[in-house]
Amino acid sequence: MTINLAYQLRKSQNILPALVNESSALLKDSSLVSTIGVTDLLRRAYIVGAEKYIAFEPLIFAAVIYYLMIMTLTLGGYALERRLQRSD
């Protein structure tokens, strides 16, 4: 049982950087495709800009939100990688 657990931890430690990278790419690509029929953030920024006759403010706001989501995901991945390295 403990050998299997150690093997699983080693596998997850090896695949973690690729998993974080793919999660970041998926989050970045979510502006291209709506998920589960919900209007994504970038499309909503375009709609607000068209309704209020302002072009840049909604897009800047959407960019800040995307940046914060990507940084949160990236820093969380780094923290998880450090924690798995400490467990060795």
C-alpha atoms as a PDB file:
ATOM      1  CA  MET A   1       0.000   0.000   0.000  1.00  0.00           C
ATOM      2  CA  THR A   2       2.727   2.520   0.906  1.00  0.00           C
ATOM      3  CA  ILE A   3       4.769   1.626  -2.184  1.00  0.00           C
ATOM      4  CA  ASN A   4       1.726   2.276  -4.360  1.00  0.00           C
ATOM      5  CA  LEU A   5       1.118   5.608  -2.593  1.00  0.00           C
ATOM      6  CA  ALA A   6       4.762   6.636  -3.091  1.00  0.00           C
ATOM      7  CA  TYR A   7       4.517   5.662  -6.748  1.00  0.00           C
ATOM      8  CA  GLN A   8       1.334   7.735  -7.166  1.00  0.00           C
ATOM      9  CA  LEU A   9       2.978  10.761  -5.535  1.00  0.00           C
ATOM     10  CA  ARG A  10       5.989  10.444  -7.832  1.00  0.00           C
ATOM     11  CA  LYS A  11       3.746  10.217 -10.901  1.00  0.00           C
ATOM     12  CA  SER A  12       1.739  13.254  -9.846  1.00  0.00           C
ATOM     13  CA  GLN A  13       4.927  15.190  -9.166  1.00  0.00           C
ATOM     14  CA  ASN A  14       6.217  14.426 -12.667  1.00  0.00           C
ATOM     15  CA  ILE A  15       2.983  15.357 -14.418  1.00  0.00           C
ATOM     16  CA  LEU A  16       2.129  18.463 -12.358  1.00  0.00           C
ATOM     17  CA  PRO A  17       3.972  21.072 -14.498  1.00  0.00           C
ATOM     18  CA  ALA A  18       2.283  19.819 -17.660  1.00  0.00           C
ATOM     19  CA  LEU A  19      -1.086  19.745 -15.905  1.00  0.00           C
ATOM     20  CA  VAL A  20      -0.725  23.352 -14.700  1.00  0.00           C
ATOM     21  CA  ASN A  21       0.382  24.426 -18.176  1.00  0.00           C
ATOM     22  CA  GLU A  22      -2.619  22.756 -19.817  1.00  0.00           C
ATOM     23  CA  SER A  23      -4.980  24.261 -17.239  1.00  0.00           C
ATOM     24  CA  SER A  24      -3.580  27.720 -17.966  1.00  0.00           C
ATOM     25  CA  ALA A  25      -3.933  27.189 -21.707  1.00  0.00           C
ATOM     26  CA  LEU A  26      -7.506  26.001 -21.249  1.00  0.00           C
ATOM     27  CA  LEU A  27      -8.328  29.064 -19.188  1.00  0.00           C
ATOM     28  CA  LYS A  28      -6.762  31.345 -21.787  1.00  0.00           C
ATOM     29  CA  ASP A  29      -8.626  29.593 -24.596  1.00  0.00           C
ATOM     30  CA  SER A  30     -11.940  29.928 -22.797  1.00  0.00           C
ATOM     31  CA  SER A  31     -12.286  33.342 -24.411  1.00  0.00           C
ATOM     32  CA  LEU A  32     -12.539  31.529 -27.748  1.00  0.00           C
ATOM     33  CA  VAL A  33     -15.211  29.031 -26.749  1.00  0.00           C
ATOM     34  CA  SER A  34     -18.154  29.455 -24.436  1.00  0.00           C
ATOM     35  CA  THR A  35     -18.333  26.826 -21.742  1.00  0.00           C
ATOM     36  CA  ILE A  36     -21.627  25.093 -20.996  1.00  0.00           C
ATOM     37  CA  GLY A  37     -23.608  27.703 -22.883  1.00  0.00           C
ATOM     38  CA  VAL A  38     -22.609  30.592 -20.632  1.00  0.00           C
ATOM     39  CA  THR A  39     -21.325  33.747 -22.305  1.00  0.00           C
ATOM     40  CA  ASP A  40     -17.634  34.005 -21.561  1.00  0.00           C
ATOM     41  CA  LEU A  41     -15.919  37.035 -20.100  1.00  0.00           C
ATOM     42  CA  LEU A  42     -14.535  38.483 -23.325  1.00  0.00           C
ATOM     43  CA  ARG A  43     -17.857  38.207 -25.165  1.00  0.00           C
ATOM     44  CA  ARG A  44     -19.599  39.891 -22.245  1.00  0.00           C
ATOM     45  CA  ALA A  45     -17.041  42.724 -22.366  1.00  0.00           C
ATOM     46  CA  TYR A  46     -17.862  43.243 -26.050  1.00  0.00           C
ATOM     47  CA  ILE A  47     -21.583  43.323 -25.251  1.00  0.00           C
ATOM     48  CA  VAL A  48     -21.138  45.860 -22.454  1.00  0.00           C
ATOM     49  CA  GLY A  49     -18.925  47.989 -24.684  1.00  0.00           C
ATOM     50  CA  ALA A  50     -21.561  48.007 -27.412  1.00  0.00           C
ATOM     51  CA  GLU A  51     -24.388  48.841 -25.003  1.00  0.00           C
ATOM     52  CA  LYS A  52     -22.546  51.651 -23.198  1.00  0.00           C
ATOM     53  CA  TYR A  53     -20.597  52.974 -26.214  1.00  0.00           C
ATOM     54  CA  ILE A  54     -17.275  52.473 -24.447  1.00  0.00           C
ATOM     55  CA  ALA A  55     -14.653  50.342 -26.113  1.00  0.00           C
ATOM     56  CA  PHE A  56     -11.599  49.921 -23.929  1.00  0.00           C
ATOM     57  CA  GLU A  57     -12.798  49.907 -20.327  1.00  0.00           C
ATOM     58  CA  PRO A  58     -14.693  46.585 -20.475  1.00  0.00           C
ATOM     59  CA  LEU A  59     -11.818  44.960 -22.364  1.00  0.00           C
ATOM     60  CA  ILE A  60      -9.262  46.218 -19.852  1.00  0.00           C
ATOM     61  CA  PHE A  61     -11.460  44.928 -17.023  1.00  0.00           C
ATOM     62  CA  ALA A  62     -11.744  41.526 -18.735  1.00  0.00           C
ATOM     63  CA  ALA A  63      -7.968  41.445 -19.250  1.00  0.00           C
ATOM     64  CA  VAL A  64      -7.361  42.145 -15.557  1.00  0.00           C
ATOM     65  CA  ILE A  65      -9.752  39.370 -14.543  1.00  0.00           C
ATOM     66  CA  TYR A  66      -8.104  36.894 -16.937  1.00  0.00           C
ATOM     67  CA  TYR A  67      -4.672  37.918 -15.640  1.00  0.00           C
ATOM     68  CA  LEU A  68      -5.729  37.392 -12.028  1.00  0.00           C
ATOM     69  CA  MET A  69      -7.191  33.966 -12.837  1.00  0.00           C
ATOM     70  CA  ILE A  70      -4.030  32.872 -14.665  1.00  0.00           C
ATOM     71  CA  MET A  71      -1.740  34.154 -11.909  1.00  0.00           C
ATOM     72  CA  THR A  72      -3.830  32.410  -9.240  1.00  0.00           C
ATOM     73  CA  LEU A  73      -3.667  29.146 -11.166  1.00  0.00           C
ATOM     74  CA  THR A  74       0.069  29.498 -11.813  1.00  0.00           C
ATOM     75  CA  LEU A  75       0.973  30.400  -8.222  1.00  0.00           C
ATOM     76  CA  GLY A  76      -1.209  27.579  -6.934  1.00  0.00           C
ATOM     77  CA  GLY A  77       0.632  25.170  -9.242  1.00  0.00           C
ATOM     78  CA  TYR A  78       4.005  26.429  -8.033  1.00  0.00           C
ATOM     79  CA  ALA A  79       2.930  26.032  -4.406  1.00  0.00           C
ATOM     80  CA  LEU A  80       1.736  22.499  -5.085  1.00  0.00           C
ATOM     81  CA  GLU A  81       5.013  21.651  -6.847  1.00  0.00           C
ATOM     82  CA  ARG A  82       7.045  22.984  -3.896  1.00  0.00           C
ATOM     83  CA  ARG A  83       4.932  21.009  -1.458  1.00  0.00           C
ATOM     84  CA  LEU A  84       5.407  17.799  -3.436  1.00  0.00           C
ATOM     85  CA  GLN A  85       9.164  18.416  -3.642  1.00  0.00           C
ATOM     86  CA  ARG A  86       9.336  18.875   0.129  1.00  0.00           C
ATOM     87  CA  SER A  87       7.566  15.562   0.659  1.00  0.00           C
ATOM     88  CA  ASP A  88      10.434  13.665  -1.032  1.00  0.00           C
END
